[in-house]
Every structure is written in C-alpha cells, then in structure tokens.
C-alpha atoms as a PDB file:
ATOM      1  CA  MET A   1     103.797  62.098 173.605  1.00  0.00           C
ATOM      2  CA  PHE A   2     104.924  61.078 170.144  1.00  0.00           C
ATOM      3  CA  SER A   3     105.231  63.692 167.418  1.00  0.00           C
ATOM      4  CA  LEU A   4     106.103  63.581 163.749  1.00  0.00           C
ATOM      5  CA  LYS A   5     109.779  63.826 162.984  1.00  0.00           C
ATOM      6  CA  LYS A   6     109.569  67.107 161.036  1.00  0.00           C
ATOM      7  CA  ASN A   7     106.747  66.118 158.671  1.00  0.00           C
ATOM      8  CA  LEU A   8     104.817  63.004 157.723  1.00  0.00           C
ATOM      9  CA  LYS A   9     107.061  60.593 155.874  1.00  0.00           C
ATOM     10  CA  PHE A  10     106.865  56.965 154.924  1.00  0.00           C
ATOM     11  CA  ILE A  11     110.014  54.943 155.490  1.00  0.00           C
ATOM     12  CA  THR A  12     111.344  51.479 154.696  1.00  0.00           C
ATOM     13  CA  ILE A  13     113.431  49.572 157.216  1.00  0.00           C
ATOM     14  CA  ASP A  14     116.622  47.538 157.025  1.00  0.00           C
ATOM     15  CA  GLN A  15     115.587  43.887 156.649  1.00  0.00           C
ATOM     16  CA  ASN A  16     118.324  42.532 158.949  1.00  0.00           C
ATOM     17  CA  TYR A  17     117.220  44.896 161.712  1.00  0.00           C
ATOM     18  CA  LEU A  18     113.620  43.704 161.327  1.00  0.00           C
ATOM     19  CA  LYS A  19     114.770  40.093 161.609  1.00  0.00           C
ATOM     20  CA  THR A  20     116.707  40.876 164.794  1.00  0.00           C
ATOM     21  CA  LEU A  21     113.631  42.491 166.350  1.00  0.00           C
ATOM     22  CA  HIS A  22     111.369  39.671 165.139  1.00  0.00           C
ATOM     23  CA  ASP A  23     113.702  37.075 166.670  1.00  0.00           C
ATOM     24  CA  SER A  24     113.247  38.856 170.028  1.00  0.00           C
ATOM     25  CA  CYS A  25     109.516  39.564 169.721  1.00  0.00           C
ATOM     26  CA  ARG A  26     107.323  37.528 167.353  1.00  0.00           C
ATOM     27  CA  GLU A  27     104.794  40.374 167.073  1.00  0.00           C
ATOM     28  CA  VAL A  28     107.198  42.408 164.909  1.00  0.00           C
ATOM     29  CA  TYR A  29     106.124  42.340 161.253  1.00  0.00           C
ATOM     30  CA  TYR A  30     108.757  40.465 159.289  1.00  0.00           C
ATOM     31  CA  LYS A  31     108.734  38.421 156.126  1.00  0.00           C
ATOM     32  CA  THR A  32     111.604  36.540 154.597  1.00  0.00           C
ATOM     33  CA  TYR A  33     110.586  36.981 150.959  1.00  0.00           C
ATOM     34  CA  ASP A  34     109.278  39.575 148.500  1.00  0.00           C
ATOM     35  CA  TYR A  35     110.689  42.525 150.487  1.00  0.00           C
ATOM     36  CA  GLU A  36     111.761  44.414 147.352  1.00  0.00           C
ATOM     37  CA  THR A  37     108.229  44.531 145.940  1.00  0.00           C
ATOM     38  CA  LYS A  38     106.395  44.877 149.277  1.00  0.00           C
ATOM     39  CA  PRO A  39     108.726  46.541 151.785  1.00  0.00           C
ATOM     40  CA  TYR A  40     107.943  47.338 155.418  1.00  0.00           C
ATOM     41  CA  ILE A  41     106.356  50.796 155.154  1.00  0.00           C
ATOM     42  CA  GLY A  42     105.655  52.947 158.166  1.00  0.00           C
ATOM     43  CA  ILE A  43     105.138  56.405 159.645  1.00  0.00           C
ATOM     44  CA  LEU A  44     108.155  57.865 161.463  1.00  0.00           C
ATOM     45  CA  VAL A  45     107.429  59.437 164.880  1.00  0.00           C
ATOM     46  CA  GLU A  46     109.563  60.300 167.900  1.00  0.00           C
ATOM     47  CA  GLU A  47     109.347  60.951 171.626  1.00  0.00           C
ATOM     48  CA  ASN A  48     112.187  62.225 173.810  1.00  0.00           C
ATOM     49  CA  GLY A  49     114.738  61.464 171.097  1.00  0.00           C
ATOM     50  CA  VAL A  50     113.496  57.883 170.599  1.00  0.00           C
ATOM     51  CA  GLU A  51     112.230  57.230 167.085  1.00  0.00           C
ATOM     52  CA  TYR A  52     109.439  54.771 166.331  1.00  0.00           C
ATOM     53  CA  VAL A  53     107.875  53.573 163.122  1.00  0.00           C
ATOM     54  CA  ILE A  54     104.151  52.822 162.984  1.00  0.00           C
ATOM     55  CA  PRO A  55     103.623  50.201 160.267  1.00  0.00           C
ATOM     56  CA  LEU A  56     101.150  50.129 157.431  1.00  0.00           C
ATOM     57  CA  SER A  57     100.016  46.632 156.535  1.00  0.00           C
ATOM     58  CA  SER A  58      98.380  45.476 153.308  1.00  0.00           C
ATOM     59  CA  ALA A  59      94.614  44.999 153.313  1.00  0.00           C
ATOM     60  CA  LYS A  60      93.426  41.458 154.023  1.00  0.00           C
ATOM     61  CA  GLU A  61      90.064  39.683 154.065  1.00  0.00           C
ATOM     62  CA  LYS A  62      89.914  39.828 157.867  1.00  0.00           C
ATOM     63  CA  HIS A  63      89.896  43.640 157.690  1.00  0.00           C
ATOM     64  CA  LYS A  64      86.392  43.591 156.174  1.00  0.00           C
ATOM     65  CA  SER A  65      84.918  43.104 159.654  1.00  0.00           C
ATOM     66  CA  TRP A  66      87.019  45.827 161.294  1.00  0.00           C
ATOM     67  CA  LYS A  67      85.714  49.280 162.160  1.00  0.00           C
ATOM     68  CA  ASN A  68      87.358  52.270 160.495  1.00  0.00           C
ATOM     69  CA  VAL A  69      88.977  53.294 163.795  1.00  0.00           C
ATOM     70  CA  GLU A  70      89.810  51.215 166.879  1.00  0.00           C
ATOM     71  CA  THR A  71      91.950  51.996 169.925  1.00  0.00           C
ATOM     72  CA  ASP A  72      94.957  50.305 168.326  1.00  0.00           C
ATOM     73  CA  ARG A  73      94.448  50.537 164.564  1.00  0.00           C
ATOM     74  CA  PHE A  74      93.049  52.525 161.658  1.00  0.00           C
ATOM     75  CA  LEU A  75      91.765  51.362 158.296  1.00  0.00           C
ATOM     76  CA  ILE A  76      93.061  53.337 155.331  1.00  0.00           C
ATOM     77  CA  PHE A  77      90.369  53.322 152.682  1.00  0.00           C
ATOM     78  CA  GLU A  78      88.692  55.173 149.857  1.00  0.00           C
ATOM     79  CA  ASN A  79      85.001  55.239 149.046  1.00  0.00           C
ATOM     80  CA  CYS A  80      83.982  54.359 145.504  1.00  0.00           C
ATOM     81  CA  LYS A  81      80.814  53.752 143.530  1.00  0.00           C
ATOM     82  CA  THR A  82      81.701  50.251 142.370  1.00  0.00           C
ATOM     83  CA  ALA A  83      83.906  47.364 143.450  1.00  0.00           C
ATOM     84  CA  GLU A  84      86.370  46.032 140.897  1.00  0.00           C
ATOM     85  CA  THR A  85      85.758  42.334 140.417  1.00  0.00           C
ATOM     86  CA  GLY A  86      88.532  39.908 139.608  1.00  0.00           C
ATOM     87  CA  THR A  87      91.126  41.711 141.715  1.00  0.00           C
ATOM     88  CA  LYS A  88      92.666  40.878 145.072  1.00  0.00           C
ATOM     89  CA  ASP A  89      91.473  44.241 146.393  1.00  0.00           C
ATOM     90  CA  ILE A  90      89.300  44.296 149.512  1.00  0.00           C
ATOM     91  CA  TYR A  91      85.860  45.952 149.297  1.00  0.00           C
ATOM     92  CA  VAL A  92      83.020  46.327 151.793  1.00  0.00           C
ATOM     93  CA  LYS A  93      79.570  47.437 150.684  1.00  0.00           C
ATOM     94  CA  ASN A  94      78.345  50.558 152.499  1.00  0.00           C
ATOM     95  CA  LYS A  95      74.716  51.038 153.567  1.00  0.00           C
ATOM     96  CA  ASP A  96      74.197  53.610 150.802  1.00  0.00           C
ATOM     97  CA  GLY A  97      75.225  51.127 148.077  1.00  0.00           C
ATOM     98  CA  THR A  98      78.720  52.539 147.564  1.00  0.00           C
ATOM     99  CA  PHE A  99      81.846  50.594 148.482  1.00  0.00           C
ATOM    100  CA  LYS A 100      84.677  51.073 150.934  1.00  0.00           C
ATOM    101  CA  HIS A 101      87.916  50.026 149.231  1.00  0.00           C
ATOM    102  CA  ILE A 102      90.284  49.029 152.054  1.00  0.00           C
ATOM    103  CA  LEU A 103      93.836  49.890 151.005  1.00  0.00           C
ATOM    104  CA  SER A 104      95.807  49.121 154.161  1.00  0.00           C
ATOM    105  CA  VAL A 105      95.831  49.234 157.949  1.00  0.00           C
ATOM    106  CA  ILE A 106      97.819  51.350 160.400  1.00  0.00           C
ATOM    107  CA  ASP A 107      98.620  48.894 163.193  1.00  0.00           C
ATOM    108  CA  LEU A 108      99.688  50.718 166.359  1.00  0.00           C
ATOM    109  CA  LYS A 109     100.327  47.492 168.295  1.00  0.00           C
ATOM    110  CA  LYS A 110     103.117  46.634 165.859  1.00  0.00           C
ATOM    111  CA  MET A 111     105.081  49.897 166.090  1.00  0.00           C
ATOM    112  CA  ILE A 112     108.798  49.427 166.663  1.00  0.00           C
ATOM    113  CA  PRO A 113     111.759  51.575 167.718  1.00  0.00           C
ATOM    114  CA  ILE A 114     114.176  52.642 165.006  1.00  0.00           C
ATOM    115  CA  LYS A 115     117.285  54.800 164.679  1.00  0.00           C
ATOM    116  CA  SER A 116     119.045  56.716 161.922  1.00  0.00           C
ATOM    117  CA  GLY A 117     120.961  54.522 159.535  1.00  0.00           C
ATOM    118  CA  LEU A 118     118.368  51.728 159.682  1.00  0.00           C
ATOM    119  CA  TYR A 119     115.703  53.309 157.508  1.00  0.00           C
ATOM    120  CA  SER A 120     115.291  55.334 154.355  1.00  0.00           C
ATOM    121  CA  GLU A 121     112.541  57.652 153.233  1.00  0.00           C
ATOM    122  CA  VAL A 122     110.217  56.349 150.538  1.00  0.00           C
ATOM    123  CA  ASP A 123     110.187  58.362 147.311  1.00  0.00           C
ATOM    124  CA  LEU A 124     106.507  58.870 146.533  1.00  0.00           C
ATOM    125  CA  ASN A 125     107.114  60.629 143.210  1.00  0.00           C
ATOM    126  CA  PRO A 126     106.783  58.508 140.064  1.00  0.00           C
ATOM    127  CA  SER A 127     109.726  58.849 137.696  1.00  0.00           C
ATOM    128  CA  LYS A 128     110.159  58.135 133.996  1.00  0.00           C
ATOM    129  CA  LYS A 129     112.336  55.099 134.746  1.00  0.00           C
ATOM    130  CA  ASP A 130     109.710  53.457 137.008  1.00  0.00           C
ATOM    131  CA  SER A 131     107.989  50.343 135.701  1.00  0.00           C
ATOM    132  CA  VAL A 132     104.193  50.258 135.363  1.00  0.00           C
ATOM    133  CA  GLN A 133     104.075  48.214 138.586  1.00  0.00           C
ATOM    134  CA  GLU A 134     106.223  50.778 140.448  1.00  0.00           C
ATOM    135  CA  ILE A 135     104.032  53.639 139.237  1.00  0.00           C
ATOM    136  CA  LYS A 136     100.886  51.829 140.429  1.00  0.00           C
ATOM    137  CA  TYR A 137     102.514  51.222 143.810  1.00  0.00           C
ATOM    138  CA  LYS A 138     103.492  54.891 144.141  1.00  0.00           C
ATOM    139  CA  VAL A 139      99.935  55.945 143.263  1.00  0.00           C
ATOM    140  CA  LEU A 140      98.691  53.679 146.067  1.00  0.00           C
ATOM    141  CA  LEU A 141     101.287  55.088 148.487  1.00  0.00           C
ATOM    142  CA  ASN A 142     100.225  58.639 147.617  1.00  0.00           C
ATOM    143  CA  ILE A 143      96.565  57.815 148.316  1.00  0.00           C
ATOM    144  CA  GLU A 144      97.592  56.267 151.647  1.00  0.00           C
ATOM    145  CA  TYR A 145      99.809  59.265 152.431  1.00  0.00           C
ATOM    146  CA  THR A 146      96.975  61.729 151.776  1.00  0.00           C
ATOM    147  CA  PHE A 147      94.652  59.674 153.982  1.00  0.00           C
ATOM    148  CA  CYS A 148      97.268  59.591 156.761  1.00  0.00           C
ATOM    149  CA  LEU A 149      97.636  63.378 156.622  1.00  0.00           C
ATOM    150  CA  LYS A 150      93.945  63.683 157.530  1.00  0.00           C
ATOM    151  CA  ILE A 151      94.144  61.394 160.574  1.00  0.00           C
ATOM    152  CA  ILE A 152      97.740  61.847 161.740  1.00  0.00           C
ATOM    153  CA  ASP A 153      96.811  63.677 164.955  1.00  0.00           C
ATOM    154  CA  SER A 154      94.558  60.783 166.021  1.00  0.00           C
ATOM    155  CA  VAL A 155      97.217  58.239 165.038  1.00  0.00           C
ATOM    156  CA  ILE A 156      99.833  60.004 167.156  1.00  0.00           C
ATOM    157  CA  GLN A 157      97.466  60.418 170.102  1.00  0.00           C
ATOM    158  CA  LYS A 158      96.469  56.730 170.121  1.00  0.00           C
ATOM    159  CA  ALA A 159     100.052  55.535 169.564  1.00  0.00           C
ATOM    160  CA  SER A 160     101.203  57.657 172.505  1.00  0.00           C
ATOM    161  CA  LYS A 161      98.442  56.329 174.750  1.00  0.00           C
ATOM    162  CA  LEU A 162      99.230  52.695 173.864  1.00  0.00           C
ATOM    163  CA  TYR A 163     102.964  53.233 174.368  1.00  0.00           C
ATOM    164  CA  GLU A 164     102.630  55.115 177.658  1.00  0.00           C
ATOM    165  CA  LYS A 165     100.229  52.519 179.082  1.00  0.00           C
ATOM    166  CA  GLN A 166     102.594  49.640 178.307  1.00  0.00           C
ATOM    167  CA  ILE A 167     105.665  51.456 179.617  1.00  0.00           C
ATOM    168  CA  SER A 168     103.950  52.611 182.840  1.00  0.00           C
ATOM    169  CA  THR A 169     102.298  49.262 183.671  1.00  0.00           C
ATOM    170  CA  GLY A 170     104.906  46.901 182.233  1.00  0.00           C
ATOM    171  CA  LYS A 171     102.065  44.840 180.730  1.00  0.00           C
ATOM    172  CA  VAL A 172     102.264  43.871 177.068  1.00  0.00           C
ATOM    173  CA  ILE A 173      98.764  43.387 175.669  1.00  0.00           C
ATOM    174  CA  LYS A 174      97.943  40.501 173.344  1.00  0.00           C
ATOM    175  CA  PHE A 175      99.290  40.885 169.785  1.00  0.00           C
ATOM    176  CA  CYS A 176     101.345  43.937 170.799  1.00  0.00           C
ATOM    177  CA  CYS A 177     105.085  44.411 170.429  1.00  0.00           C
ATOM    178  CA  ASP A 178     107.093  44.605 173.659  1.00  0.00           C
ATOM    179  CA  PHE A 179     108.288  48.207 173.384  1.00  0.00           C
ATOM    180  CA  LYS A 180     110.764  48.106 176.278  1.00  0.00           C
ATOM    181  CA  LEU A 181     112.433  44.916 175.004  1.00  0.00           C
ATOM    182  CA  LEU A 182     112.593  46.256 171.447  1.00  0.00           C
ATOM    183  CA  GLU A 183     114.076  49.577 172.598  1.00  0.00           C
ATOM    184  CA  GLU A 184     116.864  47.600 174.272  1.00  0.00           C
ATOM    185  CA  LYS A 185     117.456  45.618 171.043  1.00  0.00           C
ATOM    186  CA  CYS A 186     117.432  48.867 169.054  1.00  0.00           C
ATOM    187  CA  ARG A 187     120.092  50.431 171.298  1.00  0.00           C
ATOM    188  CA  GLU A 188     122.271  47.306 170.960  1.00  0.00           C
ATOM    189  CA  TYR A 189     121.901  47.019 167.177  1.00  0.00           C
ATOM    190  CA  PRO A 190     124.972  48.327 165.309  1.00  0.00           C
ATOM    191  CA  VAL A 191     124.547  50.867 162.533  1.00  0.00           C
ATOM    192  CA  ASN A 192     127.034  50.596 159.659  1.00  0.00           C
END
C-alpha cells in the first residue's frame, strides 16, 4: 500500500522526464508550453521503495458534472456564498444556494512513477520577492494543500487499490496510465 514519503508535499517534475513518459504512454499529463507558470504539481507517495506522484489538475468545465469523490479521482473545492462572475473559475450551485468553487482535481489514473533527482518540492510560502501572480498561486496551492490534508488517507487508499488491481491483473483501464510500463521507463531514465 502506498504511504506518504515522510509528510504531505507537493512536487514539480522535470519536464524532459514527463515528455519521455508521455511518449511511452499518452495518458501521462504533459504540455509543451506554459510549464513555468503552471507546472505539473502532484502528491509524492511511495510503496516498497518505488515513488509515485499523484497529479493535481486545474479545474475545467467538465468537472462541474463530477461527484466530489469517485473511485479514481477527487475534486478539490471550497464552498462559498457567491460565485465570482467574469473569472475563469469553475463554480457549481449547491442545493442550499451556496456555491462549490472547484479548484482542481486529484486524478489517480494519471499517477506516475518518479525518482529522486527528477522532482523538487514546491515552496508554498509567499516571499517578499514574489510577484502578485506568484502570491495568488501560492495562496491557491495552500488551500489545495489544506484540503488534501483532510482527505489524504482516502487518496492513498484509492491510489493503492487502483495500482494493485492493475499490477495484479495486467489490465490497464481506459484513461489510466500503464504503471508497469512507466516504472520500466522510470528505471531506465538517467538522473543527472
């Protein structure tokens, strides 16, 4: 079963490594542009010495129809009294008239193996030299981090179940990364 590597931490991943994995398995999240402002962020876990990162993905319109928790994903959200109009933010009206502000998604199907030297821990603390944009981003990351702390046991349990099922059956479900293939690519990938 997966466990946190020491404590909950968000990490960013080497872009060249992501491309290598994506070239082997199209389900790996990878984008060729804008990585500096929207890096690959994920939760670092491990099992039997093998590290994995469970990615967080930005909120999208399609997430409005998703349940808060599924077998292979979690919505990260905050409840608020009003929805901000004129923004790209994603809101869903609750039955009580309040709004669910969807911040991001934890996508277990897209978790990938990783090893030391290919990732760095995200600094969640705003500093005086951060731009206004960087401060806003760190505020968002801190809200997501706090949310993840509350559900981390469920995240780990579901990630472990998904992983163990694929490894034991050899079947890769639709839209899921091929863990065995990616572990092989991870072992082969050189660390500078």
